[in-house]
Structure formats: structure tokens, C-alpha cells
Amino acid sequence: MSQPVQPPNQPQQPFGGQPVDGNPYAGGPGQAAPAAPTGNPYGQQPPAPTGNPFAGQQPGQGAPFGGAPFTPAPPARNNVLLGVAVALGAAIVAGILYGVIAGSIEREVGYAAVGVGFLVGFAASKVGGSNPAVIAASAVFSIGAVYVGQLIGISMILADLAQIPFSEVVGDHFDTVTKAWSEEADFMTYLFLGLGAVAAVGGAKKAG
């Protein structure tokens, strides 16, 4: 069946005019025509939640409350009492090692005294921080460590000369050991004590 032919020179609907019969999307005067449906019922819906409350933020945005992202602060190393305790423990261990070395070679070594002080100061400051009390305790304990090491070295030498056990020299003849230290002490003996204290300060600053 053929369709009717429209008459020629039929007047056209002007742009933005009244709605054309049968065209619900034609706008009124001065109005843009609404967009036609696309056939996708979900085209205008917002994106579904992803489970991440910050997924919609643009790169470079800060925390949800406007501040910088929270970063936990590193633990502070300022425990004075613990630093002093570590200095004391390190001094005891280092002093014993120093005495064994001195007694084995029957002489004192300046580098060993420096090592004692550096070890004590470094260990104490690593735990207790660069507190002046920790540094001072390290220096004092280093002097004591070098002194104890000297006594241990003398005890080992006396035990070897008298052919008696080391424990007997320390337990029964300790007064003889201290007397021998006083008689044998010279400039180098006190220099090694001072080197231990100086090295302790240097080790504490190195750790801090």
C-alpha cells in the first residue's frame, strides 16, 4: 500500500518553536530539546560503591578530615635510666675483655682502652639517647672498666708467676693485686684511663 505524499512547500517548524505534534522531545521557545533516552536504564545512575570510602578522591587529596595522612612518630630514645644501665653492663663486659687481653700479652694496649670506652658510650647512647647524664655515666663507667681490666691483667700475671689459680688470686689475695697496681701505676696507666673516658664521649656522640 502506498503512503500519501506530502504537499510541496509545507512550512517547517522553526528551531526552538512549539512542540511538533507527535514529538514529545521538541522543546518550547528558547529551550533546548531534552536528550533522548539511550536505551540504557543505568546510564544516568551514579557508580556503585566499591567498598573504599576514599575511592572517589582525586590523586593528591589529603586525609578525609583535610589534614595530612597520619604517620606514627618514631619512638624517642631518651630513657636515661636504661641508658645508664646499658653503660654499666657494657663496662663490665668490656672491662673483663680488656683484662683478659692485657693479662694474656702481659702488657696494656692503648687501642684496647679506646675500644672499651667507645663500646660503652656507643651502647649507652644508642639506648638512652644523647642525654648528658648518659654521656657522663658512660665516661665514668669506662674509667672503671679500664681500671678493672688492669686489675684482671695483674691478677692473671700474678697467678701465672705463683702457679696458683686465678680465682685464688682474686679471692684471697686481692689486696696484693691492688697494691701491685699502685706500685706499678705510671703515666701510661693513667693515660689509658683517660683514653677510655674520652672514647666513651666520642662513642656516645657517634651513636647520637
C-alpha atoms as a PDB file:
ATOM      1  CA  MET A   1       0.000   0.000   0.000  1.00  0.00           C
ATOM      2  CA  SER A   2       1.423   3.352  -0.959  1.00  0.00           C
ATOM      3  CA  GLN A   3       1.694   6.185   1.596  1.00  0.00           C
ATOM      4  CA  PRO A   4       0.225   9.656   0.989  1.00  0.00           C
ATOM      5  CA  VAL A   5       2.615  12.183  -0.471  1.00  0.00           C
ATOM      6  CA  GLN A   6       3.151  15.374   1.495  1.00  0.00           C
ATOM      7  CA  PRO A   7       2.243  18.524  -0.350  1.00  0.00           C
ATOM      8  CA  PRO A   8       5.167  20.580  -1.583  1.00  0.00           C
ATOM      9  CA  ASN A   9       6.451  23.687   0.175  1.00  0.00           C
ATOM     10  CA  GLN A  10       4.970  22.649   3.515  1.00  0.00           C
ATOM     11  CA  PRO A  11       6.034  25.172   6.198  1.00  0.00           C
ATOM     12  CA  GLN A  12       8.697  23.781   8.571  1.00  0.00           C
ATOM     13  CA  GLN A  13       8.668  24.042  12.363  1.00  0.00           C
ATOM     14  CA  PRO A  14      11.172  26.761  13.330  1.00  0.00           C
ATOM     15  CA  PHE A  15      14.059  25.879  15.696  1.00  0.00           C
ATOM     16  CA  GLY A  16      13.003  26.252  19.278  1.00  0.00           C
ATOM     17  CA  GLY A  17       9.333  26.626  18.353  1.00  0.00           C
ATOM     18  CA  GLN A  18       6.287  24.945  19.735  1.00  0.00           C
ATOM     19  CA  PRO A  19       6.289  21.181  20.220  1.00  0.00           C
ATOM     20  CA  VAL A  20       5.602  19.390  16.981  1.00  0.00           C
ATOM     21  CA  ASP A  21       2.635  17.106  17.015  1.00  0.00           C
ATOM     22  CA  GLY A  22       3.730  13.635  17.933  1.00  0.00           C
ATOM     23  CA  ASN A  23       7.267  14.703  19.029  1.00  0.00           C
ATOM     24  CA  PRO A  24       7.404  14.776  22.847  1.00  0.00           C
ATOM     25  CA  TYR A  25      11.083  15.819  22.855  1.00  0.00           C
ATOM     26  CA  ALA A  26      10.677  19.040  20.964  1.00  0.00           C
ATOM     27  CA  GLY A  27      11.379  21.979  23.299  1.00  0.00           C
ATOM     28  CA  GLY A  28       9.424  25.106  23.789  1.00  0.00           C
ATOM     29  CA  PRO A  29      10.504  28.524  22.608  1.00  0.00           C
ATOM     30  CA  GLY A  30      14.087  29.261  23.646  1.00  0.00           C
ATOM     31  CA  GLN A  31      14.531  25.850  25.286  1.00  0.00           C
ATOM     32  CA  ALA A  32      16.870  23.121  24.224  1.00  0.00           C
ATOM     33  CA  ALA A  33      15.315  19.822  23.478  1.00  0.00           C
ATOM     34  CA  PRO A  34      15.869  17.202  26.182  1.00  0.00           C
ATOM     35  CA  ALA A  35      18.184  14.362  25.367  1.00  0.00           C
ATOM     36  CA  ALA A  36      16.522  11.310  24.024  1.00  0.00           C
ATOM     37  CA  PRO A  37      16.726   8.126  26.036  1.00  0.00           C
ATOM     38  CA  THR A  38      19.676   5.953  25.155  1.00  0.00           C
ATOM     39  CA  GLY A  39      18.038   2.657  25.934  1.00  0.00           C
ATOM     40  CA  ASN A  40      20.376   2.031  28.922  1.00  0.00           C
ATOM     41  CA  PRO A  41      18.318   2.225  32.135  1.00  0.00           C
ATOM     42  CA  TYR A  42      21.542   2.539  34.183  1.00  0.00           C
ATOM     43  CA  GLY A  43      23.199   5.231  32.120  1.00  0.00           C
ATOM     44  CA  GLN A  44      22.344   8.104  34.483  1.00  0.00           C
ATOM     45  CA  GLN A  45      22.868   6.272  37.781  1.00  0.00           C
ATOM     46  CA  PRO A  46      25.937   7.070  39.943  1.00  0.00           C
ATOM     47  CA  PRO A  47      28.700   4.462  40.077  1.00  0.00           C
ATOM     48  CA  ALA A  48      28.145   1.654  42.522  1.00  0.00           C
ATOM     49  CA  PRO A  49      30.092   1.809  45.791  1.00  0.00           C
ATOM     50  CA  THR A  50      33.377  -0.100  45.697  1.00  0.00           C
ATOM     51  CA  GLY A  51      33.820  -0.554  49.466  1.00  0.00           C
ATOM     52  CA  ASN A  52      36.627   2.022  49.550  1.00  0.00           C
ATOM     53  CA  PRO A  53      35.382   5.276  51.184  1.00  0.00           C
ATOM     54  CA  PHE A  54      38.258   7.193  49.574  1.00  0.00           C
ATOM     55  CA  ALA A  55      37.868   5.801  46.059  1.00  0.00           C
ATOM     56  CA  GLY A  56      36.244   8.999  44.773  1.00  0.00           C
ATOM     57  CA  GLN A  57      39.070  11.265  45.884  1.00  0.00           C
ATOM     58  CA  GLN A  58      41.383  12.717  43.306  1.00  0.00           C
ATOM     59  CA  PRO A  59      45.111  11.969  43.475  1.00  0.00           C
ATOM     60  CA  GLY A  60      46.926  14.317  45.782  1.00  0.00           C
ATOM     61  CA  GLN A  61      43.985  14.823  48.145  1.00  0.00           C
ATOM     62  CA  GLY A  62      44.782  14.530  51.833  1.00  0.00           C
ATOM     63  CA  ALA A  63      43.107  12.674  54.647  1.00  0.00           C
ATOM     64  CA  PRO A  64      39.288  12.656  54.839  1.00  0.00           C
ATOM     65  CA  PHE A  65      39.364  15.407  57.501  1.00  0.00           C
ATOM     66  CA  GLY A  66      41.558  17.739  55.485  1.00  0.00           C
ATOM     67  CA  GLY A  67      44.831  17.031  57.324  1.00  0.00           C
ATOM     68  CA  ALA A  68      47.922  15.204  56.225  1.00  0.00           C
ATOM     69  CA  PRO A  69      47.925  11.389  56.344  1.00  0.00           C
ATOM     70  CA  PHE A  70      48.725  10.134  59.830  1.00  0.00           C
ATOM     71  CA  THR A  71      52.277   8.901  60.264  1.00  0.00           C
ATOM     72  CA  PRO A  72      53.274   7.307  63.575  1.00  0.00           C
ATOM     73  CA  ALA A  73      56.135   9.109  65.266  1.00  0.00           C
ATOM     74  CA  PRO A  74      59.345   7.113  65.795  1.00  0.00           C
ATOM     75  CA  PRO A  75      59.981   6.005  69.379  1.00  0.00           C
ATOM     76  CA  ALA A  76      62.023   8.506  71.312  1.00  0.00           C
ATOM     77  CA  ARG A  77      65.404   7.368  72.585  1.00  0.00           C
ATOM     78  CA  ASN A  78      65.520   9.315  75.817  1.00  0.00           C
ATOM     79  CA  ASN A  79      65.399   6.663  78.543  1.00  0.00           C
ATOM     80  CA  VAL A  80      68.127   7.895  80.866  1.00  0.00           C
ATOM     81  CA  LEU A  81      67.885   5.080  83.405  1.00  0.00           C
ATOM     82  CA  LEU A  82      68.005   2.394  80.758  1.00  0.00           C
ATOM     83  CA  GLY A  83      70.941   4.116  79.067  1.00  0.00           C
ATOM     84  CA  VAL A  84      72.889   4.214  82.343  1.00  0.00           C
ATOM     85  CA  ALA A  85      72.119   0.540  82.967  1.00  0.00           C
ATOM     86  CA  VAL A  86      73.356  -0.374  79.495  1.00  0.00           C
ATOM     87  CA  ALA A  87      76.519   1.652  80.100  1.00  0.00           C
ATOM     88  CA  LEU A  88      77.174  -0.271  83.305  1.00  0.00           C
ATOM     89  CA  GLY A  89      76.609  -3.649  81.657  1.00  0.00           C
ATOM     90  CA  ALA A  90      78.791  -2.776  78.696  1.00  0.00           C
ATOM     91  CA  ALA A  91      81.528  -1.525  81.038  1.00  0.00           C
ATOM     92  CA  ILE A  92      81.584  -4.809  82.951  1.00  0.00           C
ATOM     93  CA  VAL A  93      81.820  -6.906  79.789  1.00  0.00           C
ATOM     94  CA  ALA A  94      84.377  -4.633  78.125  1.00  0.00           C
ATOM     95  CA  GLY A  95      86.481  -4.421  81.291  1.00  0.00           C
ATOM     96  CA  ILE A  96      86.704  -8.194  81.551  1.00  0.00           C
ATOM     97  CA  LEU A  97      87.717  -8.499  77.904  1.00  0.00           C
ATOM     98  CA  TYR A  98      90.309  -5.763  78.337  1.00  0.00           C
ATOM     99  CA  GLY A  99      91.784  -7.527  81.386  1.00  0.00           C
ATOM    100  CA  VAL A 100      91.977 -10.879  79.584  1.00  0.00           C
ATOM    101  CA  ILE A 101      93.804  -9.269  76.662  1.00  0.00           C
ATOM    102  CA  ALA A 102      96.206  -7.396  78.947  1.00  0.00           C
ATOM    103  CA  GLY A 103      96.888 -10.483  81.066  1.00  0.00           C
ATOM    104  CA  SER A 104      97.411 -12.713  78.028  1.00  0.00           C
ATOM    105  CA  ILE A 105     100.047 -10.485  76.434  1.00  0.00           C
ATOM    106  CA  GLU A 106     101.285  -9.168  79.834  1.00  0.00           C
ATOM    107  CA  ARG A 107     101.003  -5.577  78.752  1.00  0.00           C
ATOM    108  CA  GLU A 108      98.404  -2.895  78.221  1.00  0.00           C
ATOM    109  CA  VAL A 109      97.328  -1.716  74.794  1.00  0.00           C
ATOM    110  CA  GLY A 110      96.095   1.817  74.232  1.00  0.00           C
ATOM    111  CA  TYR A 111      93.805   0.780  71.381  1.00  0.00           C
ATOM    112  CA  ALA A 112      92.088  -1.687  73.688  1.00  0.00           C
ATOM    113  CA  ALA A 113      91.390   1.065  76.241  1.00  0.00           C
ATOM    114  CA  VAL A 114      89.952   3.239  73.487  1.00  0.00           C
ATOM    115  CA  GLY A 115      87.797   0.330  72.324  1.00  0.00           C
ATOM    116  CA  VAL A 116      86.435  -0.145  75.840  1.00  0.00           C
ATOM    117  CA  GLY A 117      85.341   3.474  76.145  1.00  0.00           C
ATOM    118  CA  PHE A 118      83.889   3.641  72.645  1.00  0.00           C
ATOM    119  CA  LEU A 119      81.851   0.474  73.172  1.00  0.00           C
ATOM    120  CA  VAL A 120      80.420   1.710  76.468  1.00  0.00           C
ATOM    121  CA  GLY A 121      79.499   5.158  75.157  1.00  0.00           C
ATOM    122  CA  PHE A 122      78.059   3.903  71.887  1.00  0.00           C
ATOM    123  CA  ALA A 123      75.872   1.235  73.501  1.00  0.00           C
ATOM    124  CA  ALA A 124      74.590   3.581  76.217  1.00  0.00           C
ATOM    125  CA  SER A 125      73.728   6.416  73.853  1.00  0.00           C
ATOM    126  CA  LYS A 126      72.136   4.055  71.360  1.00  0.00           C
ATOM    127  CA  VAL A 127      69.582   3.130  74.013  1.00  0.00           C
ATOM    128  CA  GLY A 128      69.386   6.201  76.242  1.00  0.00           C
ATOM    129  CA  GLY A 129      69.928   8.935  73.670  1.00  0.00           C
ATOM    130  CA  SER A 130      72.404  11.803  73.831  1.00  0.00           C
ATOM    131  CA  ASN A 131      71.379  12.878  77.314  1.00  0.00           C
ATOM    132  CA  PRO A 132      74.275  14.495  79.240  1.00  0.00           C
ATOM    133  CA  ALA A 133      73.658  12.153  82.180  1.00  0.00           C
ATOM    134  CA  VAL A 134      74.059   9.116  79.910  1.00  0.00           C
ATOM    135  CA  ILE A 135      77.268  10.503  78.396  1.00  0.00           C
ATOM    136  CA  ALA A 136      78.705  11.325  81.835  1.00  0.00           C
ATOM    137  CA  ALA A 137      77.836   7.866  83.156  1.00  0.00           C
ATOM    138  CA  SER A 138      79.473   6.292  80.112  1.00  0.00           C
ATOM    139  CA  ALA A 139      82.705   8.202  80.738  1.00  0.00           C
ATOM    140  CA  VAL A 140      82.808   7.267  84.434  1.00  0.00           C
ATOM    141  CA  PHE A 141      81.993   3.614  83.793  1.00  0.00           C
ATOM    142  CA  SER A 142      84.632   3.483  81.064  1.00  0.00           C
ATOM    143  CA  ILE A 143      87.293   4.623  83.532  1.00  0.00           C
ATOM    144  CA  GLY A 144      86.111   1.930  85.920  1.00  0.00           C
ATOM    145  CA  ALA A 145      86.126  -0.665  83.128  1.00  0.00           C
ATOM    146  CA  VAL A 146      89.733   0.122  82.201  1.00  0.00           C
ATOM    147  CA  TYR A 147      90.724   0.029  85.869  1.00  0.00           C
ATOM    148  CA  VAL A 148      89.042  -3.338  86.424  1.00  0.00           C
ATOM    149  CA  GLY A 149      90.703  -4.609  83.272  1.00  0.00           C
ATOM    150  CA  GLN A 150      94.092  -3.568  84.608  1.00  0.00           C
ATOM    151  CA  LEU A 151      93.414  -5.411  87.868  1.00  0.00           C
ATOM    152  CA  ILE A 152      92.353  -8.523  85.985  1.00  0.00           C
ATOM    153  CA  GLY A 153      95.506  -8.365  83.890  1.00  0.00           C
ATOM    154  CA  ILE A 154      97.696  -8.063  87.005  1.00  0.00           C
ATOM    155  CA  SER A 155      95.819 -10.948  88.645  1.00  0.00           C
ATOM    156  CA  MET A 156      96.420 -13.167  85.621  1.00  0.00           C
ATOM    157  CA  ILE A 157     100.132 -12.313  85.657  1.00  0.00           C
ATOM    158  CA  LEU A 158     100.448 -12.995  89.420  1.00  0.00           C
ATOM    159  CA  ALA A 159      98.560 -16.269  89.072  1.00  0.00           C
ATOM    160  CA  ASP A 160     100.950 -17.350  86.348  1.00  0.00           C
ATOM    161  CA  LEU A 161     104.027 -16.364  88.371  1.00  0.00           C
ATOM    162  CA  ALA A 162     102.818 -18.011  91.598  1.00  0.00           C
ATOM    163  CA  GLN A 163     101.402 -21.040  89.786  1.00  0.00           C
ATOM    164  CA  ILE A 164      98.088 -20.742  91.568  1.00  0.00           C
ATOM    165  CA  PRO A 165      94.551 -20.495  90.187  1.00  0.00           C
ATOM    166  CA  PHE A 166      93.289 -17.109  89.036  1.00  0.00           C
ATOM    167  CA  SER A 167      90.249 -17.387  91.303  1.00  0.00           C
ATOM    168  CA  GLU A 168      92.518 -17.806  94.336  1.00  0.00           C
ATOM    169  CA  VAL A 169      94.460 -14.664  93.484  1.00  0.00           C
ATOM    170  CA  VAL A 170      91.274 -12.642  93.132  1.00  0.00           C
ATOM    171  CA  GLY A 171      89.512 -14.184  96.118  1.00  0.00           C
ATOM    172  CA  ASP A 172      92.331 -14.486  98.648  1.00  0.00           C
ATOM    173  CA  HIS A 173      94.984 -12.021  97.533  1.00  0.00           C
ATOM    174  CA  PHE A 174      93.011  -9.151  96.039  1.00  0.00           C
ATOM    175  CA  ASP A 175      94.739  -6.686  98.355  1.00  0.00           C
ATOM    176  CA  THR A 176      98.035  -7.810  96.887  1.00  0.00           C
ATOM    177  CA  VAL A 177      96.652  -7.138  93.412  1.00  0.00           C
ATOM    178  CA  THR A 178      95.575  -3.570  94.251  1.00  0.00           C
ATOM    179  CA  LYS A 179      98.924  -2.930  95.958  1.00  0.00           C
ATOM    180  CA  ALA A 180     100.758  -4.136  92.889  1.00  0.00           C
ATOM    181  CA  TRP A 181      98.637  -1.830  90.715  1.00  0.00           C
ATOM    182  CA  SER A 182      99.502   1.176  92.915  1.00  0.00           C
ATOM    183  CA  GLU A 183     103.204   0.383  92.754  1.00  0.00           C
ATOM    184  CA  GLU A 184     103.250  -0.217  89.009  1.00  0.00           C
ATOM    185  CA  ALA A 185     100.977   2.667  88.023  1.00  0.00           C
ATOM    186  CA  ASP A 186     102.709   5.280  85.889  1.00  0.00           C
ATOM    187  CA  PHE A 187     101.833   7.948  83.358  1.00  0.00           C
ATOM    188  CA  MET A 188     100.706   5.395  80.774  1.00  0.00           C
ATOM    189  CA  THR A 189      98.424   3.720  83.305  1.00  0.00           C
ATOM    190  CA  TYR A 190      96.501   6.921  83.936  1.00  0.00           C
ATOM    191  CA  LEU A 191      96.643   7.821  80.259  1.00  0.00           C
ATOM    192  CA  PHE A 192      94.778   4.642  79.404  1.00  0.00           C
ATOM    193  CA  LEU A 193      92.121   5.554  81.981  1.00  0.00           C
ATOM    194  CA  GLY A 194      91.714   8.955  80.353  1.00  0.00           C
ATOM    195  CA  LEU A 195      91.571   7.436  76.868  1.00  0.00           C
ATOM    196  CA  GLY A 196      88.685   5.260  77.954  1.00  0.00           C
ATOM    197  CA  ALA A 197      86.675   8.268  79.146  1.00  0.00           C
ATOM    198  CA  VAL A 198      87.382  10.309  76.012  1.00  0.00           C
ATOM    199  CA  ALA A 199      86.472   7.395  73.772  1.00  0.00           C
ATOM    200  CA  ALA A 200      83.210   6.942  75.665  1.00  0.00           C
ATOM    201  CA  VAL A 201      82.184  10.524  74.885  1.00  0.00           C
ATOM    202  CA  GLY A 202      83.119  10.007  71.254  1.00  0.00           C
ATOM    203  CA  GLY A 203      81.142   6.776  71.050  1.00  0.00           C
ATOM    204  CA  ALA A 204      78.097   8.435  72.594  1.00  0.00           C
ATOM    205  CA  LYS A 205      78.210  11.269  70.064  1.00  0.00           C
ATOM    206  CA  LYS A 206      78.649   8.785  67.247  1.00  0.00           C
ATOM    207  CA  ALA A 207      75.547   6.877  68.299  1.00  0.00           C
ATOM    208  CA  GLY A 208      73.507  10.033  68.822  1.00  0.00           C
END
